[in-house]
Amino acid sequence: MKVAVGGTFEPLHDGHKALLDKAFSIGDEIVIGVTSDEMARKRIRSVLPFEIRAENLRRYIKRKYGIEPKIIKLEDKYGDVVEEDYDCIVVSPETHRVALEINEKRREIGRAPLRIVLVPHVLAEDGKPISSTRIKSGEIDVHGRLL
């Protein structure tokens, strides 16, 4: 099964790892979309360059799953999943709406909708979701421990 998953992945935290774990547990071909610098900076002011984020992700996946990942650059929120052959998309609660939009666009051009797999938030010690914003603001670390 060909599975899509995407994000900014910076810093790479336990919430991202839950998405990746789910994708690798259900698919045999995983395509990871990493947001372009321009796209990432619309949400997060300070972000490492795409090449560094993609390389950090590549190293993590190689170490954890023992494979060389397929990573593509996302220039918009849809990437190539509207037009290309995918079976499934793995999303967080924040990106679930985008997956619904993708399926609508796929239907409009006569493509089958994707199976949407929603991975729940990974919660920090305080019961709130782990997020890059919270990590960058110094509230929590990448594992959700309060700082």
N, C-alpha and C. Protein backbone atom coordinates (compact mmCIF):
# COMPACT_ATOMS: atom_id res chain seq x y z
N MET A 1 0.86 -1.18 0.00
CA MET A 1 0.00 0.00 0.00
C MET A 1 0.90 1.24 0.00
N LYS A 2 0.57 2.19 -0.85
CA LYS A 2 1.32 3.44 -0.93
C LYS A 2 0.68 4.46 0.00
N VAL A 3 1.50 4.98 0.93
CA VAL A 3 1.00 5.85 1.99
C VAL A 3 1.72 7.20 1.94
N ALA A 4 0.95 8.27 2.10
CA ALA A 4 1.49 9.62 2.17
C ALA A 4 1.40 10.12 3.61
N VAL A 5 2.43 10.85 4.01
CA VAL A 5 2.42 11.53 5.31
C VAL A 5 3.25 12.80 5.11
N GLY A 6 2.87 13.87 5.78
CA GLY A 6 3.60 15.12 5.56
C GLY A 6 3.67 15.99 6.79
N GLY A 7 4.59 16.96 6.73
CA GLY A 7 4.73 17.91 7.82
C GLY A 7 5.98 18.75 7.65
N THR A 8 6.21 19.59 8.63
CA THR A 8 7.41 20.42 8.65
C THR A 8 8.56 19.64 9.31
N PHE A 9 8.22 18.83 10.29
CA PHE A 9 9.17 17.94 10.96
C PHE A 9 10.35 18.69 11.57
N GLU A 10 10.03 19.79 12.28
CA GLU A 10 11.11 20.53 12.93
C GLU A 10 10.56 21.32 14.12
N PRO A 11 11.03 20.97 15.29
CA PRO A 11 11.91 19.84 15.57
C PRO A 11 11.13 18.53 15.48
N LEU A 12 11.83 17.46 15.14
CA LEU A 12 11.22 16.14 15.05
C LEU A 12 10.86 15.70 16.47
N HIS A 13 9.56 15.57 16.75
CA HIS A 13 9.11 15.26 18.11
C HIS A 13 8.27 13.98 18.13
N ASP A 14 7.85 13.59 19.32
CA ASP A 14 7.14 12.33 19.49
C ASP A 14 5.81 12.30 18.71
N GLY A 15 5.18 13.43 18.50
CA GLY A 15 3.97 13.47 17.67
C GLY A 15 4.28 13.11 16.23
N HIS A 16 5.37 13.66 15.69
CA HIS A 16 5.80 13.30 14.33
C HIS A 16 6.13 11.82 14.25
N LYS A 17 6.81 11.33 15.27
CA LYS A 17 7.22 9.92 15.28
C LYS A 17 6.01 9.00 15.30
N ALA A 18 4.92 9.40 15.97
CA ALA A 18 3.69 8.60 15.97
C ALA A 18 3.09 8.54 14.57
N LEU A 19 3.12 9.65 13.84
CA LEU A 19 2.64 9.66 12.46
C LEU A 19 3.47 8.72 11.59
N LEU A 20 4.78 8.81 11.72
CA LEU A 20 5.67 7.97 10.93
C LEU A 20 5.50 6.50 11.29
N ASP A 21 5.39 6.19 12.59
CA ASP A 21 5.18 4.81 13.01
C ASP A 21 3.92 4.24 12.37
N LYS A 22 2.85 5.01 12.37
CA LYS A 22 1.59 4.54 11.78
C LYS A 22 1.77 4.31 10.28
N ALA A 23 2.39 5.27 9.59
CA ALA A 23 2.59 5.12 8.14
C ALA A 23 3.39 3.86 7.83
N PHE A 24 4.48 3.65 8.55
CA PHE A 24 5.33 2.49 8.28
C PHE A 24 4.68 1.18 8.73
N SER A 25 3.72 1.24 9.64
CA SER A 25 3.05 0.01 10.09
C SER A 25 1.97 -0.45 9.11
N ILE A 26 1.47 0.47 8.27
CA ILE A 26 0.37 0.08 7.36
C ILE A 26 0.78 0.04 5.89
N GLY A 27 1.90 0.64 5.54
CA GLY A 27 2.26 0.72 4.13
C GLY A 27 3.57 0.05 3.81
N ASP A 28 3.73 -0.28 2.52
CA ASP A 28 5.01 -0.82 2.07
C ASP A 28 5.75 0.18 1.19
N GLU A 29 5.06 1.26 0.82
CA GLU A 29 5.69 2.36 0.10
C GLU A 29 5.24 3.65 0.78
N ILE A 30 6.17 4.31 1.46
CA ILE A 30 5.84 5.51 2.22
C ILE A 30 6.49 6.71 1.53
N VAL A 31 5.69 7.73 1.27
CA VAL A 31 6.21 8.97 0.70
C VAL A 31 5.99 10.06 1.75
N ILE A 32 7.09 10.69 2.15
CA ILE A 32 7.03 11.71 3.19
C ILE A 32 7.19 13.07 2.56
N GLY A 33 6.16 13.90 2.68
CA GLY A 33 6.24 15.28 2.20
C GLY A 33 6.75 16.18 3.30
N VAL A 34 7.79 16.92 3.00
CA VAL A 34 8.34 17.88 3.95
C VAL A 34 8.10 19.27 3.38
N THR A 35 7.52 20.14 4.17
CA THR A 35 7.17 21.47 3.68
C THR A 35 8.40 22.25 3.23
N SER A 36 8.22 23.00 2.16
CA SER A 36 9.28 23.89 1.68
C SER A 36 9.53 24.96 2.73
N ASP A 37 10.66 25.65 2.61
CA ASP A 37 10.96 26.73 3.56
C ASP A 37 9.88 27.81 3.52
N GLU A 38 9.44 28.16 2.32
CA GLU A 38 8.43 29.22 2.17
C GLU A 38 7.12 28.82 2.87
N MET A 39 6.72 27.58 2.65
CA MET A 39 5.48 27.10 3.26
C MET A 39 5.61 27.01 4.78
N ALA A 40 6.73 26.49 5.25
CA ALA A 40 6.94 26.33 6.69
C ALA A 40 6.97 27.68 7.40
N ARG A 41 7.57 28.66 6.79
CA ARG A 41 7.72 29.96 7.45
C ARG A 41 6.43 30.77 7.50
N LYS A 42 5.40 30.30 6.80
CA LYS A 42 4.09 30.95 6.92
C LYS A 42 3.48 30.65 8.29
N ARG A 43 3.84 29.49 8.88
CA ARG A 43 3.30 29.09 10.17
C ARG A 43 4.29 29.28 11.31
N ILE A 44 5.54 28.97 11.04
CA ILE A 44 6.58 29.03 12.07
C ILE A 44 7.62 30.02 11.60
N ARG A 45 7.87 31.04 12.39
CA ARG A 45 8.82 32.07 11.95
C ARG A 45 10.23 31.54 11.74
N SER A 46 10.71 30.78 12.69
CA SER A 46 12.08 30.28 12.63
C SER A 46 12.06 28.79 12.37
N VAL A 47 12.61 28.39 11.23
CA VAL A 47 12.63 26.97 10.88
C VAL A 47 13.93 26.67 10.14
N LEU A 48 14.48 25.50 10.41
CA LEU A 48 15.69 25.09 9.70
C LEU A 48 15.39 24.95 8.21
N PRO A 49 16.40 25.12 7.36
CA PRO A 49 16.19 24.95 5.91
C PRO A 49 15.69 23.55 5.57
N PHE A 50 14.95 23.46 4.48
CA PHE A 50 14.38 22.19 4.01
C PHE A 50 15.43 21.09 3.99
N GLU A 51 16.60 21.37 3.41
CA GLU A 51 17.62 20.33 3.26
C GLU A 51 18.02 19.73 4.61
N ILE A 52 18.12 20.55 5.63
CA ILE A 52 18.50 20.05 6.96
C ILE A 52 17.35 19.26 7.57
N ARG A 53 16.12 19.78 7.45
CA ARG A 53 14.97 19.05 8.00
C ARG A 53 14.81 17.70 7.32
N ALA A 54 14.95 17.68 6.00
CA ALA A 54 14.83 16.42 5.26
C ALA A 54 15.95 15.45 5.63
N GLU A 55 17.16 15.95 5.80
CA GLU A 55 18.29 15.08 6.17
C GLU A 55 18.12 14.53 7.59
N ASN A 56 17.67 15.35 8.52
CA ASN A 56 17.41 14.87 9.88
C ASN A 56 16.35 13.76 9.87
N LEU A 57 15.32 13.96 9.07
CA LEU A 57 14.25 12.96 8.94
C LEU A 57 14.79 11.69 8.29
N ARG A 58 15.59 11.86 7.26
CA ARG A 58 16.17 10.71 6.55
C ARG A 58 17.00 9.87 7.52
N ARG A 59 17.83 10.53 8.31
CA ARG A 59 18.69 9.81 9.27
C ARG A 59 17.85 9.07 10.32
N TYR A 60 16.82 9.74 10.83
CA TYR A 60 15.95 9.11 11.82
C TYR A 60 15.30 7.84 11.23
N ILE A 61 14.76 7.95 10.03
CA ILE A 61 14.07 6.81 9.42
C ILE A 61 15.05 5.68 9.10
N LYS A 62 16.20 6.03 8.60
CA LYS A 62 17.23 5.03 8.31
C LYS A 62 17.60 4.28 9.59
N ARG A 63 17.78 5.02 10.68
CA ARG A 63 18.15 4.42 11.96
C ARG A 63 17.00 3.57 12.54
N LYS A 64 15.77 4.10 12.49
CA LYS A 64 14.63 3.42 13.12
C LYS A 64 14.09 2.25 12.29
N TYR A 65 13.94 2.46 10.98
CA TYR A 65 13.29 1.46 10.14
C TYR A 65 14.26 0.72 9.21
N GLY A 66 15.50 1.20 9.13
CA GLY A 66 16.50 0.54 8.31
C GLY A 66 16.31 0.69 6.81
N ILE A 67 15.58 1.73 6.41
CA ILE A 67 15.37 1.95 4.97
C ILE A 67 15.70 3.40 4.60
N GLU A 68 15.95 3.60 3.34
CA GLU A 68 16.16 4.94 2.80
C GLU A 68 14.77 5.48 2.43
N PRO A 69 14.32 6.55 3.09
CA PRO A 69 12.96 7.03 2.84
C PRO A 69 12.84 7.82 1.54
N LYS A 70 11.62 7.83 1.02
CA LYS A 70 11.32 8.70 -0.11
C LYS A 70 10.75 9.99 0.47
N ILE A 71 11.49 11.08 0.28
CA ILE A 71 11.08 12.39 0.81
C ILE A 71 10.90 13.33 -0.37
N ILE A 72 9.76 14.02 -0.40
CA ILE A 72 9.50 15.02 -1.43
C ILE A 72 9.29 16.38 -0.77
N LYS A 73 9.52 17.42 -1.51
CA LYS A 73 9.30 18.77 -1.01
C LYS A 73 7.86 19.19 -1.29
N LEU A 74 7.18 19.67 -0.27
CA LEU A 74 5.82 20.17 -0.42
C LEU A 74 5.86 21.68 -0.66
N GLU A 75 5.37 22.08 -1.81
CA GLU A 75 5.27 23.51 -2.13
C GLU A 75 3.90 24.07 -1.78
N ASP A 76 2.94 23.16 -1.56
CA ASP A 76 1.60 23.55 -1.12
C ASP A 76 1.06 22.44 -0.23
N LYS A 77 -0.12 22.64 0.34
CA LYS A 77 -0.63 21.69 1.32
C LYS A 77 -1.07 20.36 0.73
N TYR A 78 -1.15 20.26 -0.58
CA TYR A 78 -1.60 19.03 -1.21
C TYR A 78 -0.47 18.15 -1.72
N GLY A 79 0.66 18.73 -2.06
CA GLY A 79 1.74 17.93 -2.63
C GLY A 79 1.28 17.24 -3.89
N ASP A 80 1.68 15.98 -4.07
CA ASP A 80 1.31 15.26 -5.29
C ASP A 80 0.18 14.26 -5.07
N VAL A 81 -0.44 14.26 -3.87
CA VAL A 81 -1.43 13.23 -3.57
C VAL A 81 -2.78 13.40 -4.26
N VAL A 82 -3.03 14.57 -4.82
CA VAL A 82 -4.28 14.74 -5.56
C VAL A 82 -4.20 13.98 -6.88
N GLU A 83 -3.09 14.12 -7.61
CA GLU A 83 -2.97 13.54 -8.95
C GLU A 83 -2.35 12.14 -8.98
N GLU A 84 -1.47 11.85 -8.05
CA GLU A 84 -0.71 10.59 -8.11
C GLU A 84 -1.44 9.43 -7.44
N ASP A 85 -0.92 8.22 -7.69
CA ASP A 85 -1.51 7.01 -7.12
C ASP A 85 -1.05 6.82 -5.68
N TYR A 86 -1.96 7.00 -4.77
CA TYR A 86 -1.76 6.71 -3.36
C TYR A 86 -2.98 5.95 -2.88
N ASP A 87 -2.80 5.17 -1.84
CA ASP A 87 -3.92 4.43 -1.26
C ASP A 87 -4.42 5.07 0.03
N CYS A 88 -3.51 5.72 0.74
CA CYS A 88 -3.81 6.13 2.10
C CYS A 88 -3.02 7.39 2.44
N ILE A 89 -3.57 8.19 3.35
CA ILE A 89 -2.85 9.34 3.89
C ILE A 89 -2.97 9.29 5.40
N VAL A 90 -1.84 9.49 6.08
CA VAL A 90 -1.79 9.48 7.54
C VAL A 90 -1.71 10.93 8.00
N VAL A 91 -2.64 11.31 8.88
CA VAL A 91 -2.74 12.72 9.29
C VAL A 91 -2.90 12.86 10.79
N SER A 92 -2.61 14.06 11.26
CA SER A 92 -2.86 14.45 12.65
C SER A 92 -4.21 15.18 12.71
N PRO A 93 -4.71 15.45 13.90
CA PRO A 93 -5.95 16.23 13.98
C PRO A 93 -5.85 17.58 13.25
N GLU A 94 -4.66 18.21 13.26
CA GLU A 94 -4.50 19.51 12.57
C GLU A 94 -4.62 19.39 11.06
N THR A 95 -4.19 18.27 10.51
CA THR A 95 -4.16 18.13 9.04
C THR A 95 -5.30 17.28 8.50
N HIS A 96 -6.20 16.83 9.35
CA HIS A 96 -7.33 16.02 8.90
C HIS A 96 -8.17 16.76 7.86
N ARG A 97 -8.41 18.04 8.10
CA ARG A 97 -9.20 18.86 7.16
C ARG A 97 -8.57 18.86 5.77
N VAL A 98 -7.24 18.94 5.71
CA VAL A 98 -6.54 18.95 4.42
C VAL A 98 -6.75 17.62 3.71
N ALA A 99 -6.75 16.52 4.44
CA ALA A 99 -6.99 15.21 3.82
C ALA A 99 -8.39 15.16 3.22
N LEU A 100 -9.37 15.73 3.89
CA LEU A 100 -10.73 15.79 3.33
C LEU A 100 -10.75 16.61 2.05
N GLU A 101 -10.02 17.74 2.04
CA GLU A 101 -9.92 18.57 0.83
C GLU A 101 -9.25 17.79 -0.30
N ILE A 102 -8.21 17.05 0.03
CA ILE A 102 -7.52 16.24 -0.98
C ILE A 102 -8.48 15.24 -1.61
N ASN A 103 -9.27 14.57 -0.79
CA ASN A 103 -10.22 13.60 -1.33
C ASN A 103 -11.28 14.26 -2.20
N GLU A 104 -11.70 15.45 -1.82
CA GLU A 104 -12.67 16.18 -2.66
C GLU A 104 -12.05 16.51 -4.01
N LYS A 105 -10.81 16.98 -4.01
CA LYS A 105 -10.11 17.29 -5.26
C LYS A 105 -9.89 16.03 -6.09
N ARG A 106 -9.59 14.91 -5.44
CA ARG A 106 -9.42 13.65 -6.17
C ARG A 106 -10.73 13.25 -6.84
N ARG A 107 -11.83 13.39 -6.11
CA ARG A 107 -13.15 13.06 -6.70
C ARG A 107 -13.45 13.93 -7.91
N GLU A 108 -13.10 15.22 -7.81
CA GLU A 108 -13.37 16.16 -8.91
C GLU A 108 -12.65 15.76 -10.20
N ILE A 109 -11.50 15.13 -10.07
CA ILE A 109 -10.76 14.74 -11.29
C ILE A 109 -10.91 13.24 -11.59
N GLY A 110 -11.87 12.60 -10.91
CA GLY A 110 -12.18 11.21 -11.21
C GLY A 110 -11.26 10.18 -10.56
N ARG A 111 -10.56 10.56 -9.52
CA ARG A 111 -9.68 9.61 -8.82
C ARG A 111 -10.38 9.11 -7.56
N ALA A 112 -10.03 7.92 -7.16
CA ALA A 112 -10.61 7.34 -5.95
C ALA A 112 -10.11 8.10 -4.72
N PRO A 113 -10.96 8.27 -3.73
CA PRO A 113 -10.51 8.93 -2.50
C PRO A 113 -9.50 8.06 -1.76
N LEU A 114 -8.68 8.72 -0.98
CA LEU A 114 -7.69 8.03 -0.16
C LEU A 114 -8.32 7.56 1.14
N ARG A 115 -7.84 6.47 1.67
CA ARG A 115 -8.19 6.08 3.03
C ARG A 115 -7.46 7.05 3.95
N ILE A 116 -8.18 7.67 4.86
CA ILE A 116 -7.59 8.63 5.80
C ILE A 116 -7.40 7.94 7.14
N VAL A 117 -6.16 7.94 7.62
CA VAL A 117 -5.85 7.37 8.93
C VAL A 117 -5.49 8.54 9.84
N LEU A 118 -6.32 8.76 10.83
CA LEU A 118 -6.14 9.85 11.78
C LEU A 118 -5.40 9.34 13.00
N VAL A 119 -4.23 9.93 13.24
CA VAL A 119 -3.42 9.58 14.41
C VAL A 119 -3.69 10.63 15.48
N PRO A 120 -4.13 10.21 16.66
CA PRO A 120 -4.43 11.20 17.70
C PRO A 120 -3.18 11.93 18.18
N HIS A 121 -3.40 13.07 18.80
CA HIS A 121 -2.30 13.82 19.38
C HIS A 121 -1.52 12.96 20.37
N VAL A 122 -0.22 13.18 20.40
CA VAL A 122 0.61 12.65 21.48
C VAL A 122 0.65 13.77 22.51
N LEU A 123 0.30 13.42 23.75
CA LEU A 123 0.17 14.44 24.78
C LEU A 123 1.44 14.60 25.60
N ALA A 124 1.68 15.84 25.97
CA ALA A 124 2.79 16.17 26.86
C ALA A 124 2.39 15.83 28.29
N GLU A 125 3.32 16.01 29.22
CA GLU A 125 3.05 15.74 30.64
C GLU A 125 1.85 16.51 31.17
N ASP A 126 1.60 17.68 30.62
CA ASP A 126 0.49 18.50 31.11
C ASP A 126 -0.84 18.16 30.44
N GLY A 127 -0.86 17.11 29.61
CA GLY A 127 -2.10 16.68 28.98
C GLY A 127 -2.45 17.43 27.71
N LYS A 128 -1.63 18.41 27.32
CA LYS A 128 -1.84 19.16 26.09
C LYS A 128 -0.99 18.53 24.98
N PRO A 129 -1.39 18.71 23.72
CA PRO A 129 -0.64 18.10 22.62
C PRO A 129 0.81 18.60 22.52
N ILE A 130 1.69 17.68 22.17
CA ILE A 130 3.06 18.06 21.83
C ILE A 130 2.99 18.77 20.49
N SER A 131 3.67 19.90 20.38
CA SER A 131 3.71 20.63 19.11
C SER A 131 5.04 21.34 18.97
N SER A 132 5.42 21.58 17.72
CA SER A 132 6.66 22.31 17.46
C SER A 132 6.61 23.70 18.08
N THR A 133 5.46 24.34 18.05
CA THR A 133 5.31 25.67 18.61
C THR A 133 5.61 25.66 20.11
N ARG A 134 5.07 24.69 20.81
CA ARG A 134 5.30 24.59 22.26
C ARG A 134 6.77 24.29 22.55
N ILE A 135 7.38 23.46 21.72
CA ILE A 135 8.79 23.13 21.91
C ILE A 135 9.65 24.36 21.68
N LYS A 136 9.39 25.07 20.58
CA LYS A 136 10.20 26.25 20.25
C LYS A 136 10.00 27.38 21.26
N SER A 137 8.84 27.42 21.91
CA SER A 137 8.61 28.47 22.92
C SER A 137 9.23 28.11 24.27
N GLY A 138 9.77 26.89 24.38
CA GLY A 138 10.43 26.49 25.61
C GLY A 138 9.52 25.90 26.67
N GLU A 139 8.26 25.60 26.32
CA GLU A 139 7.32 25.00 27.28
C GLU A 139 7.65 23.55 27.57
N ILE A 140 7.97 22.79 26.49
CA ILE A 140 8.18 21.35 26.60
C ILE A 140 9.38 20.95 25.74
N ASP A 141 9.85 19.71 25.96
CA ASP A 141 10.89 19.18 25.07
C ASP A 141 10.23 18.31 24.00
N VAL A 142 11.02 17.67 23.16
CA VAL A 142 10.48 16.89 22.04
C VAL A 142 9.71 15.65 22.48
N HIS A 143 9.83 15.28 23.77
CA HIS A 143 9.10 14.13 24.30
C HIS A 143 7.89 14.57 25.12
N GLY A 144 7.67 15.87 25.23
CA GLY A 144 6.53 16.38 25.96
C GLY A 144 6.78 16.62 27.44
N ARG A 145 8.03 16.53 27.84
CA ARG A 145 8.35 16.84 29.24
C ARG A 145 8.32 18.35 29.44
N LEU A 146 7.73 18.76 30.55
CA LEU A 146 7.67 20.19 30.85
C LEU A 146 9.06 20.71 31.19
N LEU A 147 9.36 21.91 30.69
CA LEU A 147 10.66 22.53 30.95
C LEU A 147 10.54 23.62 31.99
